[in-house]
Amino acid sequence: MKPQLTRLCIYPKDIQIITGKSERYSRDLIQKIKKHFNKEEHQLVTFQEFCEYMGIPLTEVQAVIRG
């Protein structure tokens, strides 16, 4: 059986699924997370960073996104 590959970075659509909020909210949240972690514009936000910022366990987020 092939191991399942997972993404490292989170996108606005993922945040919409997790939070139930709009695309605009999701894009704004990514910008806030980038500012919080001192990331440059071209750098991506990881699921780990999202979970740390929002205070949500990574395992719960993974369950929602995979399932």
Protein backbone atom coordinates (compact mmCIF):
# COMPACT_ATOMS: atom_id res chain seq x y z
CA MET A 1 0.00 0.00 0.00
CA LYS A 2 1.29 3.48 -0.93
CA PRO A 3 1.83 5.93 1.91
CA GLN A 4 -0.59 8.86 1.74
CA LEU A 5 1.13 12.15 0.97
CA THR A 6 -0.15 15.18 2.80
CA ARG A 7 0.35 18.87 2.18
CA LEU A 8 2.36 21.03 4.53
CA CYS A 9 0.84 24.40 3.65
CA ILE A 10 -2.67 25.61 4.33
CA TYR A 11 -4.83 27.52 1.85
CA PRO A 12 -7.88 29.76 2.30
CA LYS A 13 -10.23 26.95 1.21
CA ASP A 14 -8.89 24.76 4.03
CA ILE A 15 -9.53 27.55 6.54
CA GLN A 16 -13.07 27.96 5.17
CA ILE A 17 -13.72 24.26 5.77
CA ILE A 18 -12.24 24.36 9.28
CA THR A 19 -13.85 27.59 10.51
CA GLY A 20 -16.97 27.88 8.37
CA LYS A 21 -16.04 31.49 7.62
CA SER A 22 -15.80 33.29 4.27
CA GLU A 23 -12.95 33.25 1.77
CA ARG A 24 -12.17 36.88 2.60
CA TYR A 25 -11.86 36.06 6.32
CA SER A 26 -9.58 33.14 5.42
CA ARG A 27 -7.27 35.29 3.29
CA ASP A 28 -7.10 37.95 6.00
CA LEU A 29 -6.33 35.31 8.62
CA ILE A 30 -3.42 33.98 6.54
CA GLN A 31 -2.02 37.53 6.36
CA LYS A 32 -2.33 37.89 10.16
CA ILE A 33 -0.56 34.56 10.70
CA LYS A 34 2.26 35.59 8.33
CA LYS A 35 2.68 38.84 10.26
CA HIS A 36 2.64 36.98 13.59
CA PHE A 37 5.40 34.60 12.45
CA ASN A 38 7.37 37.35 10.63
CA LYS A 39 7.04 35.66 7.26
CA GLU A 40 7.67 37.35 3.96
CA GLU A 41 4.94 37.75 1.33
CA HIS A 42 6.13 34.80 -0.78
CA GLN A 43 6.34 32.37 2.16
CA LEU A 44 3.53 29.93 2.89
CA VAL A 45 1.73 29.20 6.15
CA THR A 46 1.89 25.61 7.42
CA PHE A 47 -0.87 23.67 9.13
CA GLN A 48 1.30 23.64 12.26
CA GLU A 49 1.56 27.44 12.28
CA PHE A 50 -2.18 27.79 11.70
CA CYS A 51 -2.95 25.45 14.60
CA GLU A 52 -0.51 27.19 16.92
CA TYR A 53 -1.97 30.61 16.08
CA MET A 54 -5.60 29.49 16.44
CA GLY A 55 -5.06 27.22 19.45
CA ILE A 56 -6.54 24.18 17.73
CA PRO A 57 -4.92 20.72 18.03
CA LEU A 58 -3.27 19.64 14.77
CA THR A 59 -4.87 16.18 14.95
CA GLU A 60 -8.37 17.71 14.88
CA VAL A 61 -7.53 19.86 11.87
CA GLN A 62 -6.04 16.90 10.03
CA ALA A 63 -9.17 14.85 10.70
CA VAL A 64 -11.39 17.56 9.20
CA ILE A 65 -9.20 18.12 6.12
CA ARG A 66 -8.66 14.41 5.34
CA GLY A 67 -12.08 13.31 6.02
